[in-house]
Protein backbone atom coordinates (compact mmCIF):
# COMPACT_ATOMS: atom_id res chain seq x y z
CA MET A 1 29.98 16.65 30.11
CA ASN A 2 30.44 13.43 28.09
CA ASP A 3 32.02 12.95 24.67
CA LEU A 4 28.73 13.67 22.88
CA GLU A 5 28.30 17.10 24.45
CA GLN A 6 30.05 20.29 23.45
CA SER A 7 29.76 23.82 24.72
CA ASP A 8 29.61 26.97 22.66
CA SER A 9 31.14 30.38 23.42
CA GLN A 10 28.21 31.29 25.73
CA GLY A 11 28.62 28.14 27.84
CA SER A 12 25.46 26.46 26.50
CA GLN A 13 25.70 22.75 25.98
CA LYS A 14 24.95 21.29 22.57
CA ARG A 15 24.53 17.64 21.58
CA SER A 16 26.37 16.18 18.65
CA PRO A 17 23.92 15.58 15.75
CA ASP A 18 25.66 12.39 14.53
CA ARG A 19 23.68 10.07 16.79
CA PHE A 20 20.11 10.09 18.06
CA ASP A 21 20.03 9.48 21.80
CA GLY A 22 16.48 10.59 22.60
CA THR A 23 17.28 14.17 23.54
CA VAL A 24 16.12 17.25 21.67
CA PRO A 25 18.56 20.13 21.17
CA GLN A 26 17.39 23.43 22.63
CA ALA A 27 16.77 26.32 20.27
CA GLN A 28 19.32 29.12 20.52
CA PRO A 29 17.96 32.66 21.06
CA GLU A 30 17.79 34.87 18.03
CA THR A 31 19.77 38.08 18.07
CA THR A 32 19.37 41.38 16.29
CA ARG A 33 21.35 42.06 13.17
CA ASP A 34 24.07 43.79 15.15
CA GLY A 35 24.25 40.87 17.62
CA ASP A 36 23.38 42.94 20.68
CA GLY A 37 20.46 40.96 22.07
CA PRO A 38 17.19 39.17 21.53
CA ALA A 39 15.37 39.89 18.30
CA GLY A 40 11.62 40.20 17.83
CA LYS A 41 8.91 39.04 20.19
CA GLY A 42 8.89 35.70 21.92
CA VAL A 43 12.45 35.70 23.33
CA VAL A 44 13.34 37.23 26.70
CA ASP A 45 16.66 36.66 28.44
CA GLY A 46 17.58 33.95 25.96
CA GLY A 47 14.46 31.85 26.64
CA PRO A 48 11.01 31.61 25.09
CA GLN A 49 8.34 34.08 26.17
CA PRO A 50 4.79 32.74 26.54
CA ALA A 51 2.46 33.59 23.67
CA SER A 52 -0.31 36.02 24.48
CA ILE A 53 -3.82 36.53 23.18
CA ASP A 54 -5.80 39.58 24.32
CA GLY A 55 -3.27 40.30 27.06
CA GLN A 56 -3.50 36.82 28.60
CA SER A 57 -0.42 34.67 28.40
CA ILE A 58 -0.64 31.13 27.11
CA ASP A 59 2.13 28.65 27.77
CA LEU A 60 2.77 26.46 24.75
CA GLU A 61 4.63 23.19 25.08
CA GLY A 62 5.43 20.65 22.41
CA GLN A 63 6.91 17.22 22.10
CA ILE A 64 9.04 15.68 19.43
CA ALA A 65 8.78 11.94 18.93
CA PHE A 66 11.11 9.67 17.02
CA SER A 67 9.61 6.67 15.29
CA ARG A 68 11.22 4.13 13.03
CA SER A 69 10.01 1.00 11.30
CA GLY A 70 11.99 -1.53 9.37
CA PRO A 71 13.34 -5.05 9.34
CA LEU A 72 16.64 -4.07 10.96
CA PRO A 73 17.42 -1.99 14.05
CA LEU A 74 19.59 1.12 14.05
CA VAL A 75 23.37 0.71 13.91
CA SER A 76 23.69 1.86 17.52
CA GLU A 77 21.21 -0.84 18.57
CA PHE A 78 23.19 -3.43 16.59
CA GLU A 79 26.27 -2.44 18.56
CA GLY A 80 24.39 -2.87 21.82
CA TYR A 81 23.08 -6.31 20.85
CA GLU A 82 26.56 -7.37 19.80
CA ARG A 83 28.03 -6.18 23.11
CA VAL A 84 25.46 -8.16 25.09
CA LEU A 85 25.63 -11.35 23.01
CA ALA A 86 28.38 -11.88 20.45
CA GLY A 87 27.00 -12.95 17.05
CA SER A 88 23.52 -11.60 17.71
CA ALA A 89 23.83 -8.94 14.99
CA ASP A 90 24.47 -11.65 12.40
CA ARG A 91 21.48 -13.62 13.71
CA ILE A 92 19.27 -10.53 13.35
CA VAL A 93 20.39 -9.98 9.75
CA THR A 94 19.80 -13.67 8.94
CA MET A 95 16.33 -13.47 10.47
CA ALA A 96 15.51 -10.38 8.37
CA GLU A 97 16.75 -12.13 5.22
CA LYS A 98 14.57 -15.18 5.93
CA ALA A 99 11.54 -12.96 6.56
CA LEU A 100 12.12 -11.19 3.23
CA ASP A 101 12.52 -14.50 1.38
CA SER A 102 9.27 -15.75 2.93
CA GLN A 103 7.46 -12.58 1.90
CA ILE A 104 8.74 -12.88 -1.68
CA GLU A 105 7.64 -16.56 -1.87
CA GLY A 106 4.18 -15.66 -0.53
CA GLU A 107 3.72 -12.92 -3.10
CA LYS A 108 4.89 -15.26 -5.88
CA ALA A 109 2.39 -17.94 -4.79
CA ALA A 110 -0.41 -15.35 -4.67
CA ARG A 111 0.44 -14.22 -8.22
CA GLU A 112 0.40 -17.85 -9.45
CA ILE A 113 -3.03 -18.46 -7.87
CA GLU A 114 -4.34 -15.25 -9.41
CA ALA A 115 -2.99 -16.25 -12.83
CA ALA A 116 -4.69 -19.68 -12.55
CA ASP A 117 -7.97 -17.94 -11.64
CA HIS A 118 -7.68 -15.72 -14.72
CA ARG A 119 -6.98 -18.72 -16.97
CA ALA A 120 -10.05 -20.55 -15.62
CA GLU A 121 -12.19 -17.44 -16.04
CA ASN A 122 -10.98 -16.95 -19.62
CA MET A 123 -11.68 -20.60 -20.46
CA SER A 124 -15.22 -20.49 -19.05
CA MET A 125 -15.88 -17.28 -20.99
CA MET A 126 -14.75 -18.94 -24.22
CA VAL A 127 -16.94 -22.01 -23.60
CA ALA A 128 -19.97 -19.85 -22.76
CA SER A 129 -19.44 -17.66 -25.82
CA PHE A 130 -19.10 -20.69 -28.06
CA ALA A 131 -22.21 -22.34 -26.58
CA PHE A 132 -24.41 -19.28 -26.88
CA SER A 133 -23.17 -18.57 -30.40
CA PHE A 134 -23.86 -22.03 -31.77
CA LEU A 135 -26.83 -23.15 -29.63
CA PRO A 136 -29.43 -21.67 -32.03
CA TRP A 137 -27.80 -23.41 -34.99
CA VAL A 138 -27.63 -26.76 -33.20
CA ALA A 139 -31.28 -26.39 -32.11
CA PHE A 140 -32.47 -25.58 -35.65
CA ILE A 141 -30.44 -28.42 -37.19
CA SER A 142 -31.74 -30.92 -34.60
CA ALA A 143 -35.33 -29.68 -35.21
CA THR A 144 -34.86 -30.21 -38.95
CA VAL A 145 -33.43 -33.73 -38.46
CA CYS A 146 -36.23 -34.65 -36.03
CA ALA A 147 -38.90 -33.29 -38.42
CA ALA A 148 -37.39 -35.31 -41.30
CA ALA A 149 -37.41 -38.42 -39.11
CA GLY A 150 -41.06 -37.89 -38.27
CA ASN A 151 -40.63 -36.95 -34.62
CA ASN A 152 -42.77 -33.84 -34.52
CA THR A 153 -42.57 -33.30 -30.73
CA ALA A 154 -38.76 -33.23 -30.73
CA ALA A 155 -38.79 -31.01 -33.82
CA ALA A 156 -41.12 -28.56 -32.05
CA PHE A 157 -38.92 -28.42 -28.95
CA GLY A 158 -35.79 -27.92 -31.10
CA GLY A 159 -37.49 -25.12 -33.02
CA ILE A 160 -38.64 -23.38 -29.81
CA ILE A 161 -35.17 -23.65 -28.28
CA GLY A 162 -33.63 -22.29 -31.49
CA VAL A 163 -35.98 -19.29 -31.59
CA VAL A 164 -35.56 -18.51 -27.88
CA SER A 165 -31.76 -18.74 -28.02
CA ALA A 166 -31.50 -16.85 -31.32
CA GLY A 167 -33.80 -14.05 -30.11
CA PRO A 168 -31.22 -12.12 -28.08
CA GLN A 169 -28.67 -12.42 -30.89
CA ILE A 170 -31.16 -11.07 -33.43
CA ILE A 171 -32.09 -8.15 -31.15
CA ASP A 172 -28.42 -7.34 -30.58
CA ALA A 173 -27.72 -7.42 -34.35
CA VAL A 174 -30.65 -5.04 -35.05
CA LYS A 175 -29.48 -2.60 -32.35
CA ARG A 176 -25.95 -2.55 -33.78
CA LYS A 177 -27.24 -1.66 -37.26
CA ARG A 178 -29.18 1.34 -35.87
CA LYS A 179 -26.10 2.89 -34.31
């Protein structure tokens, strides 16, 4: 028995819970309230009894898996790395810090690109809104100037463009008044 193992009053070995070493502690048998023996179904002679359905026994087995994810290993692994190569724990921490700094810089750059995209989108929306708002007025004014100058063809095109571009605005204004 090593320093991580202990035995209880019945001679069963137990593992210390302070460190995970890949083993799974065995369940202790339940006893009755007076402590005289196994309690309930499923425990015979201190061990599990197979489950049964319709008189047929079914052996059930299970597995417990340990999984961990993170930038740094467990403390026990750090100790092992340090025993094998002095200074390796510090190198691992430095590597994790650099990876975190790189991730932060990447996210910052992505946010800056997204902000620039939003500014460009907002500017194009303002230009389009301004153009569609004032295009009918510019067309009507240019048609009037061309008609006064005697250029009937240009005046006709300006008038047509003014009517076509003002049409959707007029329809939208009429719909708003109905609501």
